[in-house]
Protein backbone atom coordinates (compact mmCIF):
# COMPACT_ATOMS: atom_id res chain seq x y z
CA UNK A 1 40.75 -33.19 -46.60
CA UNK A 2 38.09 -34.19 -44.08
CA UNK A 3 38.92 -32.62 -40.85
CA UNK A 4 37.69 -34.63 -37.89
CA UNK A 5 38.70 -32.07 -35.37
CA UNK A 6 36.24 -29.48 -36.83
CA UNK A 7 33.45 -32.07 -36.26
CA UNK A 8 34.08 -32.56 -32.60
CA UNK A 9 31.12 -31.73 -30.40
CA UNK A 10 31.49 -29.39 -27.63
CA UNK A 11 30.70 -30.47 -24.02
CA UNK A 12 27.87 -27.98 -24.11
CA UNK A 13 28.96 -26.39 -20.88
CA UNK A 14 30.72 -22.96 -20.64
CA UNK A 15 32.15 -21.65 -17.60
CA UNK A 16 33.11 -17.93 -16.68
CA UNK A 17 36.60 -16.82 -17.19
CA UNK A 18 38.34 -13.57 -16.90
CA UNK A 19 37.35 -12.18 -20.45
CA UNK A 20 34.24 -14.27 -21.15
CA UNK A 21 33.43 -17.88 -21.10
CA UNK A 22 35.37 -21.00 -22.17
CA UNK A 23 34.19 -24.45 -22.92
CA UNK A 24 34.29 -26.79 -19.99
CA UNK A 25 36.53 -29.67 -20.92
CA UNK A 26 37.13 -31.34 -17.66
CA UNK A 27 35.83 -34.85 -16.49
CA UNK A 28 32.11 -34.76 -15.37
CA UNK A 29 30.78 -37.90 -13.73
CA UNK A 30 27.33 -36.61 -13.95
CA UNK A 31 26.60 -34.51 -16.95
CA UNK A 32 23.22 -33.22 -15.72
CA UNK A 33 22.83 -29.55 -14.50
CA UNK A 34 23.01 -30.73 -10.96
CA UNK A 35 26.15 -32.69 -11.62
CA UNK A 36 27.74 -29.54 -13.24
CA UNK A 37 26.54 -27.40 -10.26
CA UNK A 38 28.18 -29.78 -7.87
CA UNK A 39 31.42 -30.01 -9.88
CA UNK A 40 31.66 -26.28 -9.57
CA UNK A 41 31.23 -26.43 -5.90
CA UNK A 42 27.45 -25.30 -5.65
CA UNK A 43 24.63 -27.24 -4.06
CA UNK A 44 21.96 -27.57 -6.67
CA UNK A 45 19.72 -25.51 -4.38
CA UNK A 46 21.94 -22.56 -4.76
CA UNK A 47 21.45 -22.46 -8.76
CA UNK A 48 18.72 -21.05 -10.88
CA UNK A 49 18.38 -22.23 -14.27
CA UNK A 50 16.98 -19.63 -16.96
CA UNK A 51 15.43 -21.04 -19.95
CA UNK A 52 14.75 -17.86 -21.81
CA UNK A 53 12.38 -18.26 -24.73
CA UNK A 54 12.61 -22.02 -24.77
CA UNK A 55 13.85 -21.82 -28.47
CA UNK A 56 15.51 -25.06 -29.34
CA UNK A 57 17.23 -23.68 -32.32
CA UNK A 58 19.14 -20.92 -30.59
CA UNK A 59 22.89 -21.70 -29.74
CA UNK A 60 22.35 -21.00 -26.05
CA UNK A 61 19.87 -23.16 -24.38
CA UNK A 62 20.12 -22.32 -20.68
CA UNK A 63 21.91 -20.08 -18.12
CA UNK A 64 22.68 -21.12 -14.72
CA UNK A 65 22.79 -18.23 -12.18
CA UNK A 66 23.72 -18.05 -8.58
CA UNK A 67 20.18 -17.72 -6.88
CA UNK A 68 18.97 -14.15 -6.06
CA UNK A 69 21.96 -12.59 -8.45
CA UNK A 70 22.85 -12.17 -11.82
CA UNK A 71 26.11 -13.94 -11.35
CA UNK A 72 26.50 -16.59 -14.07
CA UNK A 73 27.72 -20.08 -12.97
CA UNK A 74 27.73 -21.83 -16.31
CA UNK A 75 26.00 -21.61 -19.81
CA UNK A 76 24.65 -24.67 -21.48
CA UNK A 77 24.53 -24.55 -25.34
CA UNK A 78 23.85 -26.86 -28.26
CA UNK A 79 26.73 -29.33 -28.86
CA UNK A 80 27.79 -27.48 -32.05
CA UNK A 81 28.82 -24.39 -30.21
CA UNK A 82 32.45 -23.76 -29.80
CA UNK A 83 32.55 -20.11 -28.29
CA UNK A 84 30.04 -17.75 -26.82
CA UNK A 85 29.78 -14.11 -27.99
CA UNK A 86 28.80 -11.31 -25.83
CA UNK A 87 26.06 -10.30 -28.38
CA UNK A 88 24.35 -13.71 -28.32
CA UNK A 89 24.42 -13.97 -24.54
CA UNK A 90 22.94 -10.53 -24.22
CA UNK A 91 20.16 -11.25 -26.65
CA UNK A 92 19.46 -14.57 -24.80
CA UNK A 93 19.27 -12.73 -21.54
CA UNK A 94 17.50 -9.58 -22.90
CA UNK A 95 14.27 -10.36 -20.77
CA UNK A 96 16.20 -11.58 -17.54
CA UNK A 97 15.28 -9.40 -14.57
CA UNK A 98 16.14 -10.45 -10.98
CA UNK A 99 13.00 -8.61 -9.76
CA UNK A 100 10.60 -10.75 -11.92
CA UNK A 101 12.65 -14.12 -11.68
CA UNK A 102 12.46 -13.94 -7.79
CA UNK A 103 9.01 -12.76 -6.62
CA UNK A 104 7.97 -13.36 -2.92
CA UNK A 105 6.45 -16.97 -3.65
CA UNK A 106 9.55 -18.15 -5.64
CA UNK A 107 12.06 -16.61 -3.21
CA UNK A 108 10.15 -18.21 -0.10
CA UNK A 109 9.99 -21.55 -2.04
CA UNK A 110 13.75 -21.50 -2.65
CA UNK A 111 14.51 -20.92 0.89
CA UNK A 112 12.08 -23.47 2.15
CA UNK A 113 13.65 -26.09 -0.15
CA UNK A 114 16.97 -25.04 1.31
CA UNK A 115 15.69 -25.49 4.86
CA UNK A 116 14.42 -28.99 3.95
CA UNK A 117 17.90 -29.96 2.44
CA UNK A 118 19.84 -28.03 4.97
CA UNK A 119 21.78 -26.55 2.31
CA UNK A 120 21.52 -22.69 2.98
CA UNK A 121 24.56 -21.61 5.01
CA UNK A 122 24.59 -18.04 6.55
CA UNK A 123 27.66 -17.34 4.55
CA UNK A 124 26.07 -18.19 1.16
CA UNK A 125 22.91 -16.23 1.92
CA UNK A 126 24.74 -13.20 3.14
CA UNK A 127 26.71 -13.18 -0.21
CA UNK A 128 23.72 -13.46 -2.34
CA UNK A 129 21.24 -11.49 -0.43
CA UNK A 130 23.61 -8.70 0.85
CA UNK A 131 22.95 -9.52 4.60
CA UNK A 132 24.55 -6.55 6.63
CA UNK A 133 24.92 -8.66 9.78
CA UNK A 134 27.53 -10.99 11.03
CA UNK A 135 26.37 -14.22 12.81
CA UNK A 136 28.36 -16.83 14.53
CA UNK A 137 26.32 -20.02 14.84
CA UNK A 138 22.73 -19.13 15.41
CA UNK A 139 20.24 -16.30 15.54
CA UNK A 140 17.78 -14.28 13.44
CA UNK A 141 18.70 -11.98 10.66
CA UNK A 142 16.36 -9.73 8.82
CA UNK A 143 16.62 -9.75 4.99
CA UNK A 144 15.54 -6.16 3.63
CA UNK A 145 15.59 -7.36 0.35
CA UNK A 146 13.12 -10.29 0.94
CA UNK A 147 11.15 -8.73 3.78
CA UNK A 148 11.89 -11.97 5.55
CA UNK A 149 13.30 -13.01 8.90
CA UNK A 150 15.85 -15.77 8.70
CA UNK A 151 16.62 -18.06 11.30
CA UNK A 152 20.01 -19.90 11.71
CA UNK A 153 21.17 -22.75 13.94
CA UNK A 154 24.79 -23.99 13.44
CA UNK A 155 25.39 -21.64 10.66
CA UNK A 156 22.45 -23.22 8.55
CA UNK A 157 19.05 -21.63 7.82
CA UNK A 158 16.45 -23.76 9.68
CA UNK A 159 13.28 -21.37 9.41
CA UNK A 160 11.98 -18.12 8.12
CA UNK A 161 9.06 -15.80 8.99
CA UNK A 162 7.45 -12.87 7.17
CA UNK A 163 7.67 -9.28 8.40
CA UNK A 164 3.84 -8.93 8.26
CA UNK A 165 3.93 -9.28 12.07
CA UNK A 166 5.23 -5.66 12.33
CA UNK A 167 2.86 -2.83 13.22
CA UNK A 168 2.82 0.35 11.12
CA UNK A 169 5.13 2.14 13.44
CA UNK A 170 7.87 -0.55 13.42
CA UNK A 171 7.49 -0.68 9.60
CA UNK A 172 7.87 3.09 9.50
CA UNK A 173 11.05 3.02 11.58
CA UNK A 174 12.42 0.12 9.43
CA UNK A 175 11.89 2.20 6.43
CA UNK A 176 13.21 5.54 7.50
CA UNK A 177 16.06 4.25 9.78
CA UNK A 178 17.13 0.77 8.95
CA UNK A 179 20.17 0.92 11.35
CA UNK A 180 17.86 1.81 14.41
CA UNK A 181 15.36 -0.89 13.50
CA UNK A 182 18.44 -3.24 13.32
CA UNK A 183 19.58 -2.07 16.70
CA UNK A 184 16.07 -2.78 18.18
CA UNK A 185 15.96 -6.30 16.43
CA UNK A 186 19.38 -7.21 17.85
CA UNK A 187 18.59 -6.24 21.36
CA UNK A 188 15.27 -8.32 21.01
CA UNK A 189 17.01 -11.23 19.59
CA UNK A 190 19.44 -11.30 22.54
CA UNK A 191 16.76 -11.84 24.95
CA UNK A 192 14.26 -13.77 23.00
CA UNK A 193 16.38 -15.92 20.90
CA UNK A 194 14.74 -17.56 17.87
CA UNK A 195 11.29 -16.91 19.30
CA UNK A 196 10.36 -14.71 16.34
CA UNK A 197 6.88 -13.81 17.67
CA UNK A 198 8.25 -12.50 20.87
CA UNK A 199 11.06 -10.51 19.02
CA UNK A 200 8.20 -8.93 16.78
CA UNK A 201 6.12 -8.13 19.76
CA UNK A 202 8.86 -6.37 21.51
CA UNK A 203 9.74 -4.25 18.50
CA UNK A 204 6.03 -3.38 17.89
CA UNK A 205 5.64 -2.26 21.49
CA UNK A 206 8.56 -0.19 21.49
CA UNK A 207 7.80 1.53 18.13
CA UNK A 208 4.24 2.22 19.12
CA UNK A 209 5.47 3.67 22.52
CA UNK A 210 7.94 5.79 20.53
CA UNK A 211 4.96 7.08 18.52
CA UNK A 212 3.46 8.24 21.80
CA UNK A 213 6.38 9.82 23.44
CA UNK A 214 6.28 13.72 23.59
CA UNK A 215 9.25 14.93 21.40
CA UNK A 216 10.29 11.43 20.35
CA UNK A 217 14.07 11.33 20.52
CA UNK A 218 14.19 14.81 21.97
CA UNK A 219 12.30 13.86 25.16
CA UNK A 220 13.81 15.17 28.27
CA UNK A 221 13.81 11.66 30.02
CA UNK A 222 15.48 10.04 27.17
CA UNK A 223 18.83 9.27 28.62
CA UNK A 224 17.11 7.68 31.78
CA UNK A 225 16.04 4.79 29.50
CA UNK A 226 18.89 4.60 27.11
CA UNK A 227 19.72 0.83 26.84
CA UNK A 228 21.83 -1.29 24.61
CA UNK A 229 23.02 -0.54 21.16
CA UNK A 230 21.82 3.12 21.60
CA UNK A 231 18.22 1.95 21.88
CA UNK A 232 15.78 3.70 24.25
CA UNK A 233 13.05 1.79 26.36
CA UNK A 234 10.20 3.93 25.18
CA UNK A 235 7.45 2.00 26.88
CA UNK A 236 9.31 2.32 30.23
CA UNK A 237 9.84 5.91 29.68
CA UNK A 238 6.07 6.47 29.26
CA UNK A 239 5.48 4.23 32.26
CA UNK A 240 7.91 6.06 34.52
CA UNK A 241 7.12 9.62 33.54
CA UNK A 242 3.79 9.84 31.75
CA UNK A 243 1.52 7.42 33.67
CA UNK A 244 1.37 4.72 30.94
CA UNK A 245 -0.47 1.70 32.38
CA UNK A 246 1.39 -1.63 32.65
CA UNK A 247 0.88 -4.90 34.49
CA UNK A 248 3.28 -7.09 36.08
CA UNK A 249 3.14 -9.60 33.02
CA UNK A 250 3.59 -6.76 30.59
CA UNK A 251 6.57 -5.25 32.72
CA UNK A 252 8.30 -8.78 32.85
CA UNK A 253 7.72 -9.38 29.10
CA UNK A 254 9.07 -6.11 27.78
CA UNK A 255 12.01 -6.27 30.08
CA UNK A 256 12.79 -10.00 30.04
CA UNK A 257 16.23 -10.57 31.24
CA UNK A 258 16.80 -6.86 31.95
CA UNK A 259 15.23 -6.31 35.58
CA UNK A 260 15.89 -7.62 39.11
CA UNK A 261 13.42 -9.06 41.43
CA UNK A 262 13.88 -7.58 44.76
CA UNK A 263 11.00 -8.84 46.84
CA UNK A 264 8.01 -11.24 46.55
CA UNK A 265 6.89 -11.33 50.06
CA UNK A 266 3.45 -9.80 49.65
CA UNK A 267 3.86 -7.66 46.50
CA UNK A 268 6.40 -8.10 43.77
CA UNK A 269 9.08 -5.38 43.84
CA UNK A 270 11.35 -5.04 40.76
CA UNK A 271 14.42 -2.91 39.85
CA UNK A 272 14.42 -1.55 36.22
CA UNK A 273 17.60 0.61 35.79
CA UNK A 274 17.30 3.19 38.51
CA UNK A 275 13.56 2.67 39.14
CA UNK A 276 11.89 0.47 41.61
CA UNK A 277 8.50 -0.79 40.60
CA UNK A 278 5.98 -2.66 43.02
CA UNK A 279 3.05 -4.62 41.67
CA UNK A 280 0.22 -5.93 43.77
CA UNK A 281 -1.11 -9.33 44.04
CA UNK A 282 -3.35 -9.09 41.04
CA UNK A 283 -0.52 -7.69 38.91
CA UNK A 284 -1.49 -4.07 39.05
CA UNK A 285 1.17 -1.44 39.44
CA UNK A 286 1.23 0.06 42.87
CA UNK A 287 4.17 2.47 42.88
CA UNK A 288 7.18 3.75 40.99
CA UNK A 289 10.15 5.34 42.75
CA UNK A 290 13.47 6.60 41.43
CA UNK A 291 16.30 4.79 43.45
CA UNK A 292 18.56 7.78 44.58
CA UNK A 293 20.98 5.59 46.66
């Protein structure tokens, strides 16, 4: 007897379940990949479609991944397919590698599209990129994986910048001690906000000063210049104890939000921690004294 049931076409969409994948049989107003993505709760910008070898004869035609991951959102097949075997899926994905799918150009392109569409939330990017920082509404986060600074406002990605602006010592610290680098980044972000150029400048200045500090983190004056999150103001350590030259403009820049202006009658006098610094009319440093009161 002719069995009509056996001739029924599948929807072509298969979604993950506990022990594999099952055919999607729900109602789908928009049968496109974007429509399926939205139905499953994803913005289309969050989905990467992998086409494999473009073999029209193969049962599996495309696989949709959560961007930057190997998490499968759905599989698209020929209409004759009723189930998906692990063997066939592994064969289709035999050449899929995250590293090659998401080079720097592709990654930045995905993020910039997300910025344009206001579709990249911090919560989503934290999940797919493994960001190790928590964020309320706005701020800057560095993605070690992408080597990019990500700028958020209202919990949404609004801009990005490369880490190429870091000098060799800042990159060295980031590579050997990511936690320390992260602390310096957080401190700089606190005072400079989303001004990425100023954030990078502060990190670069402190990293270079660290490289020039005798005995580094074992310096005898270290605790006098210990500041937030366990960081050290190495530039001011050099200024206060080793004769490092600094102008008034440089002083107010590296210590923005972290000094007190005491007097501007003739010369400008500032307090930085336990030190009193006086600058002349042309911005040159006149004196440094330790406040013993």
